[in-house]
Structure formats: structure tokens, C-alpha cells
Amino acid sequence: MSHGGLLIIEDEALLGAEISRHYRKEGWEVEWAVNLAEARRCLLERQFDPLLVLTDMNLPDGNALDLMEEVRGRQAYAEWIFLTGYGGVADSVRALRLGAYDFLEKPCDLERLGLVVASATRSANAQRRLLDQAQQRHRRYSPEAYVGHSEAARQVRELLGKLTRVPFSALLVGGETGTGKGLVTRILHYAGSRAANPLVELNCAALPRELLESELFGHEAGAFTGATTRHRGLIEQADGGTLFLDEIGELQLDLQAKLLKAIEDRKIRRLGGEREISVDVQVVAASNRDLEEMARNREFRSDLYHRLSVFRLNLPPLRESKEDLSELVPLFVAEFNAKSGRQVRTIPDEAWKQLRAHDWPGNVRELRNVVERCVLFSEGPEFPAQWLQLPGQAGAAPMRAALAEGEDGLFIPLDGSMNLDDMDCFIIRTALERSGHNTVAAARALGTTRETLRYRIRKYGLDVATR
């Protein structure tokens, strides 16, 4: 079993040979350097990528802490374990500051060393996974992820590019529901300098007042009835990263005052706590309400509004940039093709006509949901325009009229009361009932094959006598 790379830096020949031989037998790819110069060549010139570095603290040509500091950030993440026969307090403090995993005194038996190596291996692998995920998000959430060739979309991308290059403590994102405030926050976080640290999100309208304060600021055990343990609040959890507060207009005035103090002082106090805790948090606040008007009406603290709106980003509604549909629709089709295994390749003119005629009150979120439904209900390479069912357009009104006249059709509500699986199941059940549970006739009415229909009957557990 291969464990990864292990770099041993040890000038004592017997000890270095013993450790190298032991870990090669354990399945490690081992490199052994007898001094810092050789280790430096191994790491920087030969580009050896160790998961662990096991090193003597003091070597003939210097202190291993100097090498650790030199290569930090130039290599993939590695845990450093130090072996030392002697060492001052200054070395220990510096090693901890640089992020050393552990210190072991010489002589160290292989059993004790093995426990530390196993633990350090788990830690290094976990850290590499986290860093890899952060890098993937960084690539996924660049400013280019805000798609569209309209002038409004171009301006948003340009501003996002500038904001990711400057440090800011607070920013306000405005725009109607569904315009992409969550996406913009991820771009600001993952394309900025805080990408490796947490992004913590809270919808201020989702929690009652008594829970919201505890969620934001945390509490100590016994702070209130039911608080049996200490809880780190979301601001504290976001330390070093970004806190996204959606629908901040719903935050109560007293909590707004506490939030402003936390942003200004960079300190919080848990409920029931006696000491202040330092935090370094970038706050992105979003609202689909007019916070400026709310501040004038004293429904929102004006001092918090002005603090948040030093940097401001307003997202345009989709109805004002419909030319972006030509990029957004194929993007969503490709996304849901990949997720569902469908093969939608072409979008007919009739579908484009309906898409461009609609005003999209739910903005990009509504568009994404509509495209998802159409792709999941597709039976071939063509985008099924009949499943758009956009209010006030052909495809929706005729369906209602058909029901009124007793024609063969059905109506599906698009008010959120049915999810996609519910719709799919309802359509199949209705077609089966109207065909007298004849799967051939039902498949013909649905424009699909009997095998596909039978698969979905089994999927939804419909109790029917198929034939």
C-alpha cells in the first residue's frame, strides 16, 4: 500500500538509514537528505512532493526551521515533524508559529514515531483535500462565472474583478430575488484573498429573533434555558473568511446595532460570555428590499446601512438584459444534461420565442428552474418547448383552455406546490388512468417508449396493472 512521499532530513547515518528502511517497507516513497542543502535541492529542484517531512531540528548547515519557512507556499501542503536532541524555547515557539505538527525527542523508538506519523498523515491528507476543494471553487467562482454579454452583466463582472483584488470589511449587494446574490458572494469569496478560509451563510429571515442572536454571536453554556453547551456563532465560525447575510433587511434593530459594533471593532461577545473575542470577518450583506428607504423610515439603522454601502453592487433584473438568455439557457441545459443523463442538444425557435417574450419576475433563478423542468422532461435531443408553461403565453393558456373544453390535457401548477418528481409522477398517473392503465397507449400519449414509462412507474412505485 502506497502512503505518499516522505522526506527524511537526518545527518546521523545509522538513524537516517533505519528510518528510511522502515518506511520504505511500510509503502512510503522515501527520500533521505543528510543536510539542508540536499533537502532544498530535493524539494525545489527535483520537485519532490512529500506528504510528510521528518527532520532533525539542527543540521550541519543550519536550522531546519529556515528551510520550512523558505518552502512554505511553494509546495503542496506537508506536515513537518521535528526530531531534536536539544532545542531552545525560541525554536519551539517559532516552530509552532510556522505550523509544525509535532516534536519528538531523540532517541525516539519506531513505535512512538509510527503513531505520530499516522496522525500527521491523516492531517496532511485532510488539509490537501480542503486546499484542493478551495482551488476548485476558486476556478469555478471566478468573475467570469457571472455569465452574460449584456452591458449590465459586463459592468457587474468588471466590478467583481476589482472587488476581488481589494480588501473590504463590508459590502452590500442589492437586486431583486433570483438575480444571483448568492453567486456573487461566492465569487467575491473564492476569487479573493480569503478563499482558503470559511464562507458562512445565514438567511436572516429564516430564524426567529431568539435564535438569530445566538446563531450570529454564539453563546456560553447556561446563557439561557436549553443552552447546555458552548456554541460558536456564525461570525466566529467565519473568522478569516466571509459571512454572507442574506435578507439583512429582516434583521431586528438591536441585532443590527450588535452587528455594526462587530464590524467596526472586529470583536464579538458570546451570549452569557464575559470576554470579547477578536474576529476578522468580511461581511457581504444582501437584500431585495430598498435599505436606503428603510433607513429613511427608521426601519433599518442608518449607521449600519452607511457602513455596509461603502462598497455596493446592484444586480440587474433579467428582464433588462434578455440578450443574456442566449448564454444562460445553453449553460443551464448543459448543467442539467450532466446531472440527469439527458442529451438535449438543440433549442427550437418556438422555445426561444417564448423565453424572450417572458419578463422573468423570478429572474435567473426562475429561468434555471424552468430549464431544469424542460431538460428532465425531455425525451430526445430537442428542448421541449411544451414544458416551458410560461404564464400568459402559448403553452400555458391553451392548456387551461383545453381543460375547460374537456380536451385531452392536464394543468400543472407552477407556484412551488409541486416539485419536479411530483409533476412527473402526476403526469404518468394521469396518463395511465386516462388510458385505462394501458401502458402502450399511455406511452404514445406521452410521446415516449413503453420501456421508459415502465421504468418511471417502478421509480415512483405506482400500483398499476401494466399491459
Protein backbone atom coordinates (compact mmCIF):
# COMPACT_ATOMS: atom_id res chain seq x y z
CA MET A 1 0.00 0.00 0.00
CA SER A 2 1.46 3.38 -1.03
CA HIS A 3 1.25 6.17 1.55
CA GLY A 4 2.83 9.03 -0.39
CA GLY A 5 6.08 10.91 -0.17
CA LEU A 6 8.23 11.12 2.97
CA LEU A 7 11.30 13.35 3.16
CA ILE A 8 13.77 12.48 5.92
CA ILE A 9 16.41 15.08 6.81
CA GLU A 10 18.89 13.48 9.20
CA ASP A 11 22.67 13.71 9.37
CA GLU A 12 23.11 10.72 11.69
CA ALA A 13 23.79 7.89 9.23
CA LEU A 14 22.54 4.99 11.38
CA LEU A 15 19.31 6.73 12.38
CA GLY A 16 18.62 8.02 8.87
CA ALA A 17 19.19 4.57 7.33
CA GLU A 18 17.00 2.85 9.93
CA ILE A 19 14.06 5.23 9.47
CA SER A 20 14.36 5.18 5.66
CA ARG A 21 14.41 1.35 5.54
CA HIS A 22 11.44 1.09 7.91
CA TYR A 23 9.17 3.46 5.99
CA ARG A 24 10.08 2.06 2.56
CA LYS A 25 8.86 -1.32 3.86
CA GLU A 26 5.66 0.46 5.00
CA GLY A 27 5.00 1.58 1.41
CA TRP A 28 6.27 5.15 1.54
CA GLU A 29 8.20 6.81 -1.27
CA VAL A 30 11.20 7.89 0.80
CA GLU A 31 13.88 10.48 0.09
CA TRP A 32 16.72 10.88 2.59
CA ALA A 33 18.81 14.05 2.79
CA VAL A 34 21.77 14.41 5.16
CA ASN A 35 21.74 18.22 5.25
CA LEU A 36 19.58 21.22 4.36
CA ALA A 37 21.29 21.89 1.03
CA GLU A 38 20.47 18.39 -0.19
CA ALA A 39 16.90 18.67 1.13
CA ARG A 40 16.49 22.03 -0.62
CA ARG A 41 17.62 20.52 -3.95
CA CYS A 42 15.21 17.63 -3.44
CA LEU A 43 12.24 19.94 -2.77
CA LEU A 44 12.90 22.86 -5.12
CA GLU A 45 14.98 21.49 -7.99
CA ARG A 46 13.84 17.87 -8.24
CA GLN A 47 10.34 18.94 -7.08
CA PHE A 48 9.81 16.02 -4.73
CA ASP A 49 6.30 16.32 -3.28
CA PRO A 50 6.34 14.91 0.28
CA LEU A 51 3.22 14.45 2.34
CA LEU A 52 5.40 14.45 5.47
CA VAL A 53 8.81 15.89 6.32
CA LEU A 54 10.61 14.19 9.20
CA THR A 55 13.64 16.27 10.11
CA ASP A 56 16.28 16.87 12.72
CA MET A 57 15.98 20.42 14.08
CA ASN A 58 19.69 21.25 13.95
CA LEU A 59 21.73 20.13 10.96
CA PRO A 60 25.36 20.73 9.95
CA ASP A 61 24.43 23.60 7.62
CA GLY A 62 21.67 25.28 9.66
CA ASN A 63 18.28 25.08 11.33
CA ALA A 64 15.51 23.10 9.60
CA LEU A 65 13.01 25.83 10.55
CA ASP A 66 14.70 28.10 7.99
CA LEU A 67 14.00 25.55 5.24
CA MET A 68 10.42 25.08 6.42
CA GLU A 69 9.80 28.82 6.20
CA GLU A 70 11.56 29.04 2.81
CA VAL A 71 9.47 26.36 1.06
CA ARG A 72 6.15 27.19 2.70
CA GLY A 73 3.69 28.23 -0.01
CA ARG A 74 5.95 26.97 -2.81
CA GLN A 75 4.95 23.32 -2.39
CA ALA A 76 1.85 21.24 -1.82
CA TYR A 77 0.81 21.06 1.82
CA ALA A 78 3.03 18.88 4.03
CA GLU A 79 3.20 18.22 7.76
CA TRP A 80 6.60 18.72 9.43
CA ILE A 81 7.71 16.55 12.36
CA PHE A 82 10.87 17.58 14.19
CA LEU A 83 13.36 15.30 15.91
CA THR A 84 15.62 17.06 18.36
CA GLY A 85 18.19 16.15 20.95
CA TYR A 86 18.09 19.68 22.30
CA GLY A 87 16.29 22.86 21.44
CA GLY A 88 15.55 26.18 23.00
CA VAL A 89 12.22 27.77 23.77
CA ALA A 90 12.71 30.18 20.86
CA ASP A 91 12.91 27.27 18.38
CA SER A 92 9.77 25.71 19.84
CA VAL A 93 7.80 28.97 19.62
CA ARG A 94 8.95 29.60 16.04
CA ALA A 95 8.11 26.03 15.00
CA LEU A 96 4.59 26.35 16.38
CA ARG A 97 4.16 29.69 14.60
CA LEU A 98 5.24 28.11 11.31
CA GLY A 99 2.79 25.23 11.81
CA ALA A 100 5.00 22.31 12.85
CA TYR A 101 2.96 19.18 13.53
CA ASP A 102 4.96 17.71 16.44
CA PHE A 103 8.32 17.48 18.24
CA LEU A 104 9.93 14.22 19.26
CA GLU A 105 12.98 13.92 21.45
CA LYS A 106 15.87 11.71 20.44
CA PRO A 107 16.19 8.84 20.83
CA CYS A 108 12.68 8.05 19.57
CA ASP A 109 11.53 4.43 19.13
CA LEU A 110 9.81 3.49 15.88
CA GLU A 111 6.53 2.57 17.60
CA ARG A 112 6.13 6.05 19.10
CA LEU A 113 7.23 7.61 15.81
CA GLY A 114 4.73 5.47 13.92
CA LEU A 115 1.79 6.83 15.95
CA VAL A 116 2.81 10.40 15.24
CA VAL A 117 3.41 9.69 11.53
CA ALA A 118 -0.03 8.04 11.18
CA SER A 119 -1.73 11.02 12.80
CA ALA A 120 0.27 13.52 10.73
CA THR A 121 -0.60 11.60 7.55
CA ARG A 122 -4.32 11.91 8.26
CA SER A 123 -3.90 15.62 8.96
CA ALA A 124 -1.88 16.26 5.77
CA ASN A 125 -4.36 14.37 3.59
CA ALA A 126 -7.28 16.28 5.10
CA GLN A 127 -5.55 19.62 4.58
CA ARG A 128 -4.73 18.76 0.97
CA ARG A 129 -8.37 17.84 0.31
CA LEU A 130 -9.52 21.15 1.78
CA LEU A 131 -7.00 23.13 -0.25
CA ASP A 132 -7.91 21.23 -3.42
CA GLN A 133 -11.60 21.97 -2.85
CA ALA A 134 -10.77 25.64 -2.30
CA GLN A 135 -8.78 25.73 -5.55
CA GLN A 136 -11.63 24.07 -7.46
CA ARG A 137 -14.07 26.63 -6.06
CA HIS A 138 -11.63 29.38 -6.97
CA ARG A 139 -11.64 28.20 -10.59
CA ARG A 140 -15.42 27.70 -10.59
CA TYR A 141 -16.23 31.05 -9.00
CA SER A 142 -14.08 33.48 -10.95
CA PRO A 143 -15.76 36.76 -12.02
CA GLU A 144 -16.39 35.06 -15.40
CA ALA A 145 -18.93 32.82 -13.62
CA TYR A 146 -21.31 35.79 -13.78
CA VAL A 147 -22.46 34.98 -17.29
CA GLY A 148 -23.88 37.35 -19.87
CA HIS A 149 -22.78 39.61 -22.73
CA SER A 150 -25.16 42.50 -21.97
CA GLU A 151 -23.65 45.79 -20.86
CA ALA A 152 -25.18 45.33 -17.39
CA ALA A 153 -23.56 41.90 -16.97
CA ARG A 154 -20.23 43.22 -18.25
CA GLN A 155 -20.29 46.03 -15.68
CA VAL A 156 -21.03 43.58 -12.87
CA ARG A 157 -18.12 41.35 -13.97
CA GLU A 158 -15.78 44.34 -14.13
CA LEU A 159 -16.74 45.47 -10.62
CA LEU A 160 -16.41 41.92 -9.27
CA GLY A 161 -12.91 41.75 -10.71
CA LYS A 162 -11.96 44.96 -8.89
CA LEU A 163 -13.57 43.91 -5.60
CA THR A 164 -11.77 40.56 -5.50
CA ARG A 165 -8.44 42.41 -5.63
CA VAL A 166 -9.06 44.81 -2.72
CA PRO A 167 -9.67 44.07 0.97
CA PHE A 168 -13.04 45.20 2.29
CA SER A 169 -14.77 44.63 5.62
CA ALA A 170 -18.36 45.03 4.41
CA LEU A 171 -20.26 45.15 1.13
CA LEU A 172 -23.92 45.47 0.18
CA VAL A 173 -25.41 43.51 -2.71
CA GLY A 174 -28.77 44.72 -3.97
CA GLY A 175 -31.16 43.35 -6.53
CA GLU A 176 -34.45 41.55 -6.96
CA THR A 177 -34.99 37.99 -5.78
CA GLY A 178 -33.26 35.48 -8.04
CA THR A 179 -30.73 37.85 -9.61
CA GLY A 180 -27.71 35.91 -8.30
CA LYS A 181 -26.73 37.47 -4.98
CA GLY A 182 -25.54 34.11 -3.66
CA LEU A 183 -23.41 33.52 -6.78
CA VAL A 184 -21.85 36.98 -6.47
CA THR A 185 -20.96 36.29 -2.82
CA ARG A 186 -19.21 33.05 -3.77
CA ILE A 187 -17.26 34.87 -6.47
CA LEU A 188 -16.20 37.58 -4.01
CA HIS A 189 -15.07 34.93 -1.52
CA TYR A 190 -13.46 32.24 -3.67
CA ALA A 191 -11.80 34.61 -6.14
CA GLY A 192 -10.50 36.83 -3.35
CA SER A 193 -7.72 36.57 -0.77
CA ARG A 194 -9.95 34.70 1.74
CA ALA A 195 -10.69 31.71 -0.49
CA ALA A 196 -8.92 29.18 1.76
CA ASN A 197 -10.98 30.27 4.79
CA PRO A 198 -14.66 29.65 5.59
CA LEU A 199 -17.66 31.06 3.74
CA VAL A 200 -20.57 31.03 6.20
CA GLU A 201 -24.12 31.86 5.09
CA LEU A 202 -27.24 32.91 7.01
CA ASN A 203 -30.69 33.89 5.79
CA CYS A 204 -31.84 36.46 8.34
CA ALA A 205 -35.50 35.79 7.53
CA ALA A 206 -35.19 32.06 8.24
CA LEU A 207 -34.81 32.19 12.02
CA PRO A 208 -36.87 33.76 14.83
CA ARG A 209 -35.36 36.61 16.87
CA GLU A 210 -34.47 34.47 19.89
CA LEU A 211 -32.45 32.02 17.77
CA LEU A 212 -30.90 34.55 15.40
CA GLU A 213 -28.81 36.30 18.05
CA SER A 214 -27.38 33.01 19.30
CA GLU A 215 -26.67 31.84 15.73
CA LEU A 216 -24.79 35.03 14.90
CA PHE A 217 -22.88 35.68 18.12
CA GLY A 218 -22.82 32.28 19.83
CA HIS A 219 -23.48 31.54 23.50
CA GLU A 220 -21.87 30.10 26.58
CA ALA A 221 -23.28 27.10 28.44
CA GLY A 222 -26.11 28.24 30.70
CA ALA A 223 -26.65 31.54 28.86
CA PHE A 224 -30.35 30.69 28.52
CA THR A 225 -32.68 27.76 29.04
CA GLY A 226 -31.57 24.89 26.83
CA ALA A 227 -28.02 26.22 26.32
CA THR A 228 -26.28 23.16 27.76
CA THR A 229 -23.01 23.59 25.85
CA ARG A 230 -20.90 26.40 24.41
CA HIS A 231 -21.81 27.38 20.85
CA ARG A 232 -19.53 29.28 18.46
CA GLY A 233 -21.65 31.73 16.49
CA LEU A 234 -21.53 32.16 12.73
CA ILE A 235 -19.42 35.32 12.96
CA GLU A 236 -16.83 33.42 14.97
CA GLN A 237 -17.02 30.43 12.60
CA ALA A 238 -16.35 32.76 9.66
CA ASP A 239 -13.14 34.13 11.23
CA GLY A 240 -10.62 34.78 8.47
CA GLY A 241 -13.29 34.29 5.81
CA THR A 242 -16.63 35.70 4.67
CA LEU A 243 -20.03 35.95 6.36
CA PHE A 244 -22.95 36.19 3.91
CA LEU A 245 -26.09 37.69 5.48
CA ASP A 246 -28.99 37.29 3.07
CA GLU A 247 -32.18 39.32 3.55
CA ILE A 248 -30.44 41.54 6.09
CA GLY A 249 -33.42 43.89 5.99
CA GLU A 250 -35.22 41.35 8.21
CA LEU A 251 -32.61 41.69 11.00
CA GLN A 252 -34.02 43.31 14.15
CA LEU A 253 -32.75 46.79 15.06
CA ASP A 254 -30.98 45.70 18.27
CA LEU A 255 -29.14 42.95 16.39
CA GLN A 256 -28.23 45.47 13.70
CA ALA A 257 -26.51 47.53 16.43
CA LYS A 258 -24.55 44.48 17.63
CA LEU A 259 -23.58 43.60 14.06
CA LEU A 260 -22.34 47.14 13.40
CA LYS A 261 -20.21 47.00 16.55
CA ALA A 262 -18.75 43.65 15.47
CA ILE A 263 -17.84 45.06 12.03
CA GLU A 264 -16.35 48.25 13.48
CA ASP A 265 -14.47 46.74 16.46
CA ARG A 266 -13.72 43.32 14.96
CA LYS A 267 -14.78 41.82 18.26
CA ILE A 268 -17.81 39.90 19.50
CA ARG A 269 -19.09 38.68 22.83
CA ARG A 270 -20.99 35.41 23.07
CA LEU A 271 -24.34 35.46 24.86
CA GLY A 272 -23.60 34.90 28.53
CA GLY A 273 -19.88 35.45 27.92
CA GLU A 274 -17.62 37.79 29.85
CA ARG A 275 -14.76 38.27 27.39
CA GLU A 276 -14.59 39.73 23.91
CA ILE A 277 -13.33 37.54 21.07
CA SER A 278 -11.37 39.06 18.18
CA VAL A 279 -12.67 38.18 14.72
CA ASP A 280 -11.53 39.07 11.21
CA VAL A 281 -14.60 38.72 9.00
CA GLN A 282 -15.56 40.10 5.60
CA VAL A 283 -19.33 40.73 5.64
CA VAL A 284 -21.40 40.55 2.47
CA ALA A 285 -24.98 41.65 3.09
CA ALA A 286 -27.80 41.20 0.58
CA SER A 287 -31.36 42.40 0.38
CA ASN A 288 -34.11 42.59 -2.21
CA ARG A 289 -35.63 45.45 -0.20
CA ASP A 290 -34.64 49.11 -0.53
CA LEU A 291 -32.46 49.52 2.55
CA GLU A 292 -31.90 53.22 1.85
CA GLU A 293 -35.64 53.87 2.02
CA MET A 294 -35.91 51.63 5.10
CA ALA A 295 -33.15 53.69 6.75
CA ARG A 296 -35.05 56.92 5.98
CA ASN A 297 -38.16 55.39 7.55
CA ARG A 298 -36.11 54.24 10.56
CA GLU A 299 -36.89 50.60 9.78
CA PHE A 300 -33.16 49.93 9.29
CA ARG A 301 -30.27 51.54 11.16
CA SER A 302 -28.81 54.31 9.02
CA ASP A 303 -25.35 53.89 10.56
CA LEU A 304 -25.28 50.20 9.60
CA TYR A 305 -26.63 50.99 6.13
CA HIS A 306 -23.87 53.55 5.51
CA ARG A 307 -21.22 51.16 6.86
CA LEU A 308 -22.39 48.37 4.55
CA SER A 309 -22.84 50.54 1.47
CA VAL A 310 -19.27 51.90 1.30
CA PHE A 311 -18.94 49.19 -1.37
CA ARG A 312 -22.18 48.48 -3.19
CA LEU A 313 -23.09 46.13 -6.02
CA ASN A 314 -26.53 46.22 -7.67
CA LEU A 315 -27.53 43.24 -9.80
CA PRO A 316 -29.77 43.90 -12.81
CA PRO A 317 -33.08 42.05 -13.32
CA LEU A 318 -33.16 39.58 -16.20
CA ARG A 319 -35.95 41.47 -18.00
CA GLU A 320 -33.50 44.35 -18.56
CA SER A 321 -30.80 42.12 -20.06
CA LYS A 322 -32.68 39.48 -22.06
CA GLU A 323 -29.79 39.23 -24.52
CA ASP A 324 -28.06 37.20 -21.78
CA LEU A 325 -30.59 34.39 -22.35
CA SER A 326 -28.50 33.19 -25.30
CA GLU A 327 -25.67 32.35 -22.88
CA LEU A 328 -27.65 31.38 -19.79
CA VAL A 329 -30.06 28.89 -21.37
CA PRO A 330 -27.39 26.67 -23.05
CA LEU A 331 -25.36 26.85 -19.83
CA PHE A 332 -28.29 25.54 -17.75
CA VAL A 333 -29.16 22.93 -20.38
CA ALA A 334 -25.59 21.59 -20.22
CA GLU A 335 -25.71 21.57 -16.40
CA PHE A 336 -28.92 19.54 -16.24
CA ASN A 337 -27.87 17.25 -19.09
CA ALA A 338 -24.86 16.32 -16.97
CA LYS A 339 -26.93 15.86 -13.81
CA SER A 340 -29.76 13.84 -15.34
CA GLY A 341 -28.06 11.99 -18.20
CA ARG A 342 -30.29 13.70 -20.79
CA GLN A 343 -28.97 14.65 -24.25
CA VAL A 344 -30.71 17.94 -25.13
CA ARG A 345 -28.70 19.49 -27.95
CA THR A 346 -30.97 21.90 -29.85
CA ILE A 347 -33.37 24.63 -28.75
CA PRO A 348 -36.14 25.27 -31.32
CA ASP A 349 -37.15 28.75 -32.45
CA GLU A 350 -40.53 28.42 -30.72
CA ALA A 351 -38.79 27.87 -27.38
CA TRP A 352 -36.52 30.88 -27.91
CA LYS A 353 -39.56 32.98 -28.84
CA GLN A 354 -41.31 32.10 -25.58
CA LEU A 355 -38.16 32.55 -23.50
CA ARG A 356 -37.54 36.04 -24.88
CA ALA A 357 -41.18 37.13 -24.59
CA HIS A 358 -41.34 36.35 -20.85
CA ASP A 359 -40.39 39.07 -18.34
CA TRP A 360 -38.87 36.66 -15.76
CA PRO A 361 -40.15 38.14 -12.49
CA GLY A 362 -38.15 35.43 -10.68
CA ASN A 363 -35.04 36.38 -12.70
CA VAL A 364 -32.20 33.88 -13.27
CA ARG A 365 -33.47 31.55 -10.53
CA GLU A 366 -36.82 31.23 -12.33
CA LEU A 367 -35.04 30.65 -15.65
CA ARG A 368 -32.87 27.93 -14.14
CA ASN A 369 -35.91 26.14 -12.67
CA VAL A 370 -37.78 26.31 -16.00
CA VAL A 371 -34.79 24.90 -17.90
CA GLU A 372 -34.40 22.14 -15.32
CA ARG A 373 -38.03 21.06 -15.80
CA CYS A 374 -37.72 21.06 -19.59
CA VAL A 375 -34.48 19.06 -19.61
CA LEU A 376 -35.77 16.47 -17.13
CA PHE A 377 -38.97 16.02 -19.15
CA SER A 378 -37.12 15.81 -22.46
CA GLU A 379 -37.22 12.58 -24.47
CA GLY A 380 -34.64 13.35 -27.12
CA PRO A 381 -32.11 15.88 -28.35
CA GLU A 382 -34.62 18.75 -28.78
CA PHE A 383 -35.51 21.14 -25.95
CA PRO A 384 -39.25 20.51 -25.28
CA ALA A 385 -40.94 23.91 -25.60
CA GLN A 386 -44.25 22.44 -24.43
CA TRP A 387 -42.85 22.20 -20.91
CA LEU A 388 -41.96 25.87 -20.63
CA GLN A 389 -45.51 26.70 -19.49
CA LEU A 390 -44.67 30.37 -19.02
CA PRO A 391 -47.61 32.41 -17.62
CA GLY A 392 -49.62 34.33 -20.18
CA GLN A 393 -48.03 32.61 -23.19
CA ALA A 394 -48.88 29.93 -25.67
CA GLY A 395 -48.34 26.64 -23.96
CA ALA A 396 -49.88 27.77 -20.67
CA ALA A 397 -53.15 29.44 -21.66
CA PRO A 398 -54.14 26.78 -24.25
CA MET A 399 -53.58 24.11 -21.61
CA ARG A 400 -56.09 25.79 -19.28
CA ALA A 401 -58.50 26.30 -22.19
CA ALA A 402 -58.19 22.64 -23.16
CA LEU A 403 -59.25 21.60 -19.68
CA ALA A 404 -62.22 23.92 -19.79
CA GLU A 405 -63.33 22.45 -23.12
CA GLY A 406 -62.83 18.87 -21.99
CA GLU A 407 -59.94 18.22 -24.36
CA ASP A 408 -57.16 15.75 -23.62
CA GLY A 409 -54.68 17.66 -21.45
CA LEU A 410 -53.74 18.48 -17.88
CA PHE A 411 -52.70 21.50 -15.86
CA ILE A 412 -49.68 21.64 -13.52
CA PRO A 413 -49.31 24.50 -11.03
CA LEU A 414 -46.03 26.44 -11.11
CA ASP A 415 -46.45 28.02 -7.69
CA GLY A 416 -43.97 25.78 -5.89
CA SER A 417 -46.63 23.44 -4.54
CA MET A 418 -45.30 20.58 -6.68
CA ASN A 419 -41.67 19.66 -7.18
CA LEU A 420 -40.39 18.09 -10.41
CA ASP A 421 -40.76 14.49 -9.25
CA ASP A 422 -44.33 15.24 -8.10
CA MET A 423 -45.10 16.66 -11.55
CA ASP A 424 -43.55 13.69 -13.34
CA CYS A 425 -45.45 11.21 -11.16
CA PHE A 426 -48.73 13.14 -11.58
CA ILE A 427 -48.39 13.21 -15.37
CA ILE A 428 -47.70 9.47 -15.58
CA ARG A 429 -50.51 8.55 -13.18
CA THR A 430 -52.97 10.76 -15.11
CA ALA A 431 -51.95 9.30 -18.49
CA LEU A 432 -52.32 5.75 -17.14
CA GLU A 433 -55.74 6.46 -15.67
CA ARG A 434 -57.00 8.05 -18.89
CA SER A 435 -55.68 5.12 -20.95
CA GLY A 436 -57.29 2.53 -18.69
CA HIS A 437 -53.78 1.54 -17.45
CA ASN A 438 -52.73 0.57 -20.97
CA THR A 439 -49.00 1.33 -20.97
CA VAL A 440 -48.76 1.27 -24.78
CA ALA A 441 -51.49 3.91 -25.10
CA ALA A 442 -50.13 5.94 -22.19
CA ALA A 443 -46.61 5.87 -23.67
CA ARG A 444 -47.99 7.01 -27.01
CA ALA A 445 -49.88 9.89 -25.35
CA LEU A 446 -46.72 10.96 -23.52
CA GLY A 447 -44.52 10.64 -26.60
CA THR A 448 -42.20 8.09 -25.02
CA THR A 449 -41.48 4.37 -25.15
CA ARG A 450 -43.17 1.65 -23.11
CA GLU A 451 -39.79 0.73 -21.55
CA THR A 452 -39.21 4.32 -20.37
CA LEU A 453 -42.73 4.50 -18.98
CA ARG A 454 -42.36 1.20 -17.12
CA TYR A 455 -39.07 2.42 -15.64
CA ARG A 456 -40.80 5.51 -14.26
CA ILE A 457 -43.75 3.50 -12.98
CA ARG A 458 -41.28 1.43 -10.96
CA LYS A 459 -39.37 4.58 -9.90
CA TYR A 460 -42.46 6.17 -8.38
CA GLY A 461 -43.93 2.92 -7.04
CA LEU A 462 -47.19 3.36 -8.91
CA ASP A 463 -49.50 0.45 -8.17
CA VAL A 464 -50.97 -0.24 -11.60
CA ALA A 465 -51.70 -3.31 -13.67
CA THR A 466 -49.44 -2.61 -16.67
CA ARG A 467 -50.03 -4.18 -20.02
